[in-house]
């Protein structure tokens, strides 16, 4: 996944969580040309896995399993487009199992049809990303009830 967010309730270490974010689509607004031929993506999707501190290995095991199955080093990023539909379904099934066993682990997404986005977002370079982040992750109940300090760290 592209980046890791770390949320900690103001001074309370017991309220921390790791948030893995990934996006699909671009933040461009050239919608009058075909995508990848001078034009921008028509949709922007932001997905997040919100994991309480200490529970990260639960998701890491599933991700390592996909890499191991493909005989691929975890240092070599694997894009979902490179997976077969069966592999994607198996991965989604594993996430569903995690969610059933661990209701404290959340998987959230938001998809925006960019042609319907108003002009204010188009004039603000990161406005769509920021608003998508807030809608996707900050609307989850644990974030709304915890005053959070967020810091962005690049994943390696």
C-alpha atoms as a PDB file:
ATOM      1  CA  UNK A   1       0.000   0.000   0.000  1.00  0.00           C
ATOM      2  CA  UNK A   2       1.157   3.493  -0.762  1.00  0.00           C
ATOM      3  CA  UNK A   3       1.470   5.189   2.604  1.00  0.00           C
ATOM      4  CA  UNK A   4       0.943   4.627   6.293  1.00  0.00           C
ATOM      5  CA  UNK A   5      -0.891   7.033   8.537  1.00  0.00           C
ATOM      6  CA  UNK A   6      -0.416   6.924  12.247  1.00  0.00           C
ATOM      7  CA  UNK A   7      -3.221   8.222  14.445  1.00  0.00           C
ATOM      8  CA  UNK A   8      -2.802   8.666  18.136  1.00  0.00           C
ATOM      9  CA  UNK A   9      -5.352  10.097  20.563  1.00  0.00           C
ATOM     10  CA  UNK A  10      -3.872  13.169  22.227  1.00  0.00           C
ATOM     11  CA  UNK A  11      -1.229  11.640  24.456  1.00  0.00           C
ATOM     12  CA  UNK A  12      -3.024   8.296  24.937  1.00  0.00           C
ATOM     13  CA  UNK A  13      -0.926   5.537  23.438  1.00  0.00           C
ATOM     14  CA  UNK A  14      -3.738   2.993  23.860  1.00  0.00           C
ATOM     15  CA  UNK A  15      -5.739   4.763  21.123  1.00  0.00           C
ATOM     16  CA  UNK A  16      -3.174   4.457  18.368  1.00  0.00           C
ATOM     17  CA  UNK A  17      -3.880   2.874  15.008  1.00  0.00           C
ATOM     18  CA  UNK A  18      -2.034   2.234  11.788  1.00  0.00           C
ATOM     19  CA  UNK A  19      -3.866   3.277   8.636  1.00  0.00           C
ATOM     20  CA  UNK A  20      -2.665   1.831   5.349  1.00  0.00           C
ATOM     21  CA  UNK A  21      -3.851   3.961   2.422  1.00  0.00           C
ATOM     22  CA  UNK A  22      -3.870   3.205  -1.259  1.00  0.00           C
ATOM     23  CA  UNK A  23      -5.392   5.046  -4.163  1.00  0.00           C
ATOM     24  CA  UNK A  24      -6.450   4.200  -7.666  1.00  0.00           C
ATOM     25  CA  UNK A  25      -6.858   6.808 -10.369  1.00  0.00           C
ATOM     26  CA  UNK A  26      -5.167  10.144 -10.700  1.00  0.00           C
ATOM     27  CA  UNK A  27      -5.941  13.589  -9.317  1.00  0.00           C
ATOM     28  CA  UNK A  28      -5.904  15.200 -12.779  1.00  0.00           C
ATOM     29  CA  UNK A  29      -8.931  16.890 -14.373  1.00  0.00           C
ATOM     30  CA  UNK A  30      -8.385  16.479 -18.122  1.00  0.00           C
ATOM     31  CA  UNK A  31     -11.651  14.649 -18.759  1.00  0.00           C
ATOM     32  CA  UNK A  32     -12.044  15.573 -22.423  1.00  0.00           C
ATOM     33  CA  UNK A  33      -9.341  13.146 -23.632  1.00  0.00           C
ATOM     34  CA  UNK A  34      -9.101   9.349 -23.224  1.00  0.00           C
ATOM     35  CA  UNK A  35      -7.509   8.078 -20.026  1.00  0.00           C
ATOM     36  CA  UNK A  36      -3.774   7.396 -20.401  1.00  0.00           C
ATOM     37  CA  UNK A  37      -3.819   9.042 -23.829  1.00  0.00           C
ATOM     38  CA  UNK A  38      -3.610  12.605 -22.643  1.00  0.00           C
ATOM     39  CA  UNK A  39      -6.608  12.349 -20.328  1.00  0.00           C
ATOM     40  CA  UNK A  40      -7.143  11.774 -16.641  1.00  0.00           C
ATOM     41  CA  UNK A  41      -8.836   8.855 -14.933  1.00  0.00           C
ATOM     42  CA  UNK A  42     -12.602   9.161 -14.699  1.00  0.00           C
ATOM     43  CA  UNK A  43     -12.714   7.841 -11.138  1.00  0.00           C
ATOM     44  CA  UNK A  44     -10.602   8.308  -8.031  1.00  0.00           C
ATOM     45  CA  UNK A  45     -10.709   5.615  -5.322  1.00  0.00           C
ATOM     46  CA  UNK A  46      -9.114   5.765  -1.908  1.00  0.00           C
ATOM     47  CA  UNK A  47      -9.027   2.635   0.250  1.00  0.00           C
ATOM     48  CA  UNK A  48      -7.802   2.214   3.802  1.00  0.00           C
ATOM     49  CA  UNK A  49      -7.146  -0.556   6.280  1.00  0.00           C
ATOM     50  CA  UNK A  50      -7.477   0.835   9.815  1.00  0.00           C
ATOM     51  CA  UNK A  51      -5.684  -1.401  12.286  1.00  0.00           C
ATOM     52  CA  UNK A  52      -5.377  -0.899  16.060  1.00  0.00           C
ATOM     53  CA  UNK A  53      -1.825  -0.760  17.384  1.00  0.00           C
ATOM     54  CA  UNK A  54      -0.360  -4.215  17.769  1.00  0.00           C
ATOM     55  CA  UNK A  55      -2.726  -5.889  15.285  1.00  0.00           C
ATOM     56  CA  UNK A  56      -0.678  -5.059  12.172  1.00  0.00           C
ATOM     57  CA  UNK A  57       0.679  -8.647  11.834  1.00  0.00           C
ATOM     58  CA  UNK A  58      -2.864  -9.877  11.104  1.00  0.00           C
ATOM     59  CA  UNK A  59      -2.905  -7.995   7.783  1.00  0.00           C
ATOM     60  CA  UNK A  60       0.825  -8.397   7.142  1.00  0.00           C
ATOM     61  CA  UNK A  61       0.428 -12.207   7.150  1.00  0.00           C
ATOM     62  CA  UNK A  62      -2.178 -12.052   4.376  1.00  0.00           C
ATOM     63  CA  UNK A  63      -0.072  -9.690   2.263  1.00  0.00           C
ATOM     64  CA  UNK A  64       3.065 -11.815   2.771  1.00  0.00           C
ATOM     65  CA  UNK A  65       1.041 -14.853   1.698  1.00  0.00           C
ATOM     66  CA  UNK A  66       0.171 -13.218  -1.634  1.00  0.00           C
ATOM     67  CA  UNK A  67       3.820 -12.348  -2.259  1.00  0.00           C
ATOM     68  CA  UNK A  68       4.955 -15.837  -1.261  1.00  0.00           C
ATOM     69  CA  UNK A  69       2.365 -17.468  -3.521  1.00  0.00           C
ATOM     70  CA  UNK A  70       3.691 -15.379  -6.424  1.00  0.00           C
ATOM     71  CA  UNK A  71       7.349 -16.067  -5.537  1.00  0.00           C
ATOM     72  CA  UNK A  72       7.921 -12.348  -5.262  1.00  0.00           C
ATOM     73  CA  UNK A  73      10.027 -10.297  -2.858  1.00  0.00           C
ATOM     74  CA  UNK A  74       7.995  -7.969  -0.634  1.00  0.00           C
ATOM     75  CA  UNK A  75      10.382  -5.187  -1.656  1.00  0.00           C
ATOM     76  CA  UNK A  76       8.999  -5.428  -5.209  1.00  0.00           C
ATOM     77  CA  UNK A  77       5.528  -3.809  -5.097  1.00  0.00           C
ATOM     78  CA  UNK A  78       2.753  -5.964  -6.488  1.00  0.00           C
ATOM     79  CA  UNK A  79      -0.148  -4.117  -8.122  1.00  0.00           C
ATOM     80  CA  UNK A  80      -3.606  -5.684  -8.020  1.00  0.00           C
ATOM     81  CA  UNK A  81      -3.842  -5.389 -11.800  1.00  0.00           C
ATOM     82  CA  UNK A  82      -1.033  -7.965 -11.942  1.00  0.00           C
ATOM     83  CA  UNK A  83      -3.132 -10.503 -10.015  1.00  0.00           C
ATOM     84  CA  UNK A  84      -5.583 -12.908 -11.595  1.00  0.00           C
ATOM     85  CA  UNK A  85      -9.256 -12.498 -10.722  1.00  0.00           C
ATOM     86  CA  UNK A  86      -8.949 -15.660  -8.602  1.00  0.00           C
ATOM     87  CA  UNK A  87      -6.043 -14.176  -6.633  1.00  0.00           C
ATOM     88  CA  UNK A  88      -7.969 -10.941  -6.077  1.00  0.00           C
ATOM     89  CA  UNK A  89     -11.024 -12.898  -4.899  1.00  0.00           C
ATOM     90  CA  UNK A  90      -8.878 -15.006  -2.551  1.00  0.00           C
ATOM     91  CA  UNK A  91      -7.304 -11.849  -1.105  1.00  0.00           C
ATOM     92  CA  UNK A  92     -10.744 -10.255  -0.611  1.00  0.00           C
ATOM     93  CA  UNK A  93     -11.894 -13.471   1.074  1.00  0.00           C
ATOM     94  CA  UNK A  94      -8.972 -13.302   3.491  1.00  0.00           C
ATOM     95  CA  UNK A  95      -9.867  -9.682   4.328  1.00  0.00           C
ATOM     96  CA  UNK A  96     -13.462 -10.748   4.971  1.00  0.00           C
ATOM     97  CA  UNK A  97     -12.199 -13.438   7.374  1.00  0.00           C
ATOM     98  CA  UNK A  98     -10.077 -10.852   9.190  1.00  0.00           C
ATOM     99  CA  UNK A  99     -13.065  -8.528   9.511  1.00  0.00           C
ATOM    100  CA  UNK A 100     -15.275 -11.360  10.832  1.00  0.00           C
ATOM    101  CA  UNK A 101     -12.695 -12.335  13.480  1.00  0.00           C
ATOM    102  CA  UNK A 102     -11.501  -8.819  14.296  1.00  0.00           C
ATOM    103  CA  UNK A 103     -14.306  -6.206  14.159  1.00  0.00           C
ATOM    104  CA  UNK A 104     -11.805  -3.656  15.471  1.00  0.00           C
ATOM    105  CA  UNK A 105      -9.982  -3.850  12.116  1.00  0.00           C
ATOM    106  CA  UNK A 106     -11.765  -1.759   9.485  1.00  0.00           C
ATOM    107  CA  UNK A 107     -11.578  -1.702   5.696  1.00  0.00           C
ATOM    108  CA  UNK A 108     -13.083   1.415   4.115  1.00  0.00           C
ATOM    109  CA  UNK A 109     -13.212   2.873   0.599  1.00  0.00           C
ATOM    110  CA  UNK A 110     -14.581   5.829  -1.274  1.00  0.00           C
ATOM    111  CA  UNK A 111     -14.862   6.156  -5.045  1.00  0.00           C
ATOM    112  CA  UNK A 112     -15.504   9.495  -6.723  1.00  0.00           C
ATOM    113  CA  UNK A 113     -16.858   9.905 -10.261  1.00  0.00           C
ATOM    114  CA  UNK A 114     -14.710  12.890 -11.196  1.00  0.00           C
ATOM    115  CA  UNK A 115     -17.022  14.266 -13.886  1.00  0.00           C
ATOM    116  CA  UNK A 116     -19.542  15.042 -11.111  1.00  0.00           C
ATOM    117  CA  UNK A 117     -17.079  16.890  -8.860  1.00  0.00           C
ATOM    118  CA  UNK A 118     -17.664  20.625  -8.511  1.00  0.00           C
ATOM    119  CA  UNK A 119     -15.200  23.267  -9.661  1.00  0.00           C
ATOM    120  CA  UNK A 120     -13.901  24.111  -6.179  1.00  0.00           C
ATOM    121  CA  UNK A 121     -12.171  20.714  -5.956  1.00  0.00           C
ATOM    122  CA  UNK A 122     -10.727  21.118  -9.421  1.00  0.00           C
ATOM    123  CA  UNK A 123      -9.061  24.392  -8.430  1.00  0.00           C
ATOM    124  CA  UNK A 124      -7.535  22.952  -5.233  1.00  0.00           C
ATOM    125  CA  UNK A 125      -4.686  20.561  -6.082  1.00  0.00           C
ATOM    126  CA  UNK A 126      -5.106  18.183  -3.130  1.00  0.00           C
ATOM    127  CA  UNK A 127      -8.713  19.000  -2.293  1.00  0.00           C
ATOM    128  CA  UNK A 128     -10.143  15.780  -3.702  1.00  0.00           C
ATOM    129  CA  UNK A 129      -7.548  13.633  -1.924  1.00  0.00           C
ATOM    130  CA  UNK A 130      -8.004  15.433   1.407  1.00  0.00           C
ATOM    131  CA  UNK A 131     -11.785  15.307   1.269  1.00  0.00           C
ATOM    132  CA  UNK A 132     -11.730  11.655   0.197  1.00  0.00           C
ATOM    133  CA  UNK A 133      -9.424  10.882   3.131  1.00  0.00           C
ATOM    134  CA  UNK A 134     -11.777  12.606   5.559  1.00  0.00           C
ATOM    135  CA  UNK A 135     -14.856  10.898   4.122  1.00  0.00           C
ATOM    136  CA  UNK A 136     -13.205   7.496   3.954  1.00  0.00           C
ATOM    137  CA  UNK A 137     -11.262   7.334   7.194  1.00  0.00           C
ATOM    138  CA  UNK A 138     -12.449  10.077   9.497  1.00  0.00           C
ATOM    139  CA  UNK A 139     -16.080   9.065   9.270  1.00  0.00           C
ATOM    140  CA  UNK A 140     -15.340   5.778  11.002  1.00  0.00           C
ATOM    141  CA  UNK A 141     -16.635   5.805  14.554  1.00  0.00           C
ATOM    142  CA  UNK A 142     -13.304   5.355  16.339  1.00  0.00           C
ATOM    143  CA  UNK A 143     -11.792   8.391  14.617  1.00  0.00           C
ATOM    144  CA  UNK A 144     -14.819  10.599  15.286  1.00  0.00           C
ATOM    145  CA  UNK A 145     -14.603   9.871  18.997  1.00  0.00           C
ATOM    146  CA  UNK A 146     -10.844  10.341  19.352  1.00  0.00           C
ATOM    147  CA  UNK A 147      -9.102  13.712  19.001  1.00  0.00           C
ATOM    148  CA  UNK A 148      -6.323  12.620  16.648  1.00  0.00           C
ATOM    149  CA  UNK A 149      -2.941  13.887  15.643  1.00  0.00           C
ATOM    150  CA  UNK A 150      -2.043  12.479  12.214  1.00  0.00           C
ATOM    151  CA  UNK A 151       1.376  12.309  10.651  1.00  0.00           C
ATOM    152  CA  UNK A 152       2.147  10.970   7.195  1.00  0.00           C
ATOM    153  CA  UNK A 153       5.049   8.571   6.774  1.00  0.00           C
ATOM    154  CA  UNK A 154       6.224   7.075   3.486  1.00  0.00           C
ATOM    155  CA  UNK A 155       6.146   3.308   3.380  1.00  0.00           C
ATOM    156  CA  UNK A 156       9.257   1.569   2.065  1.00  0.00           C
END
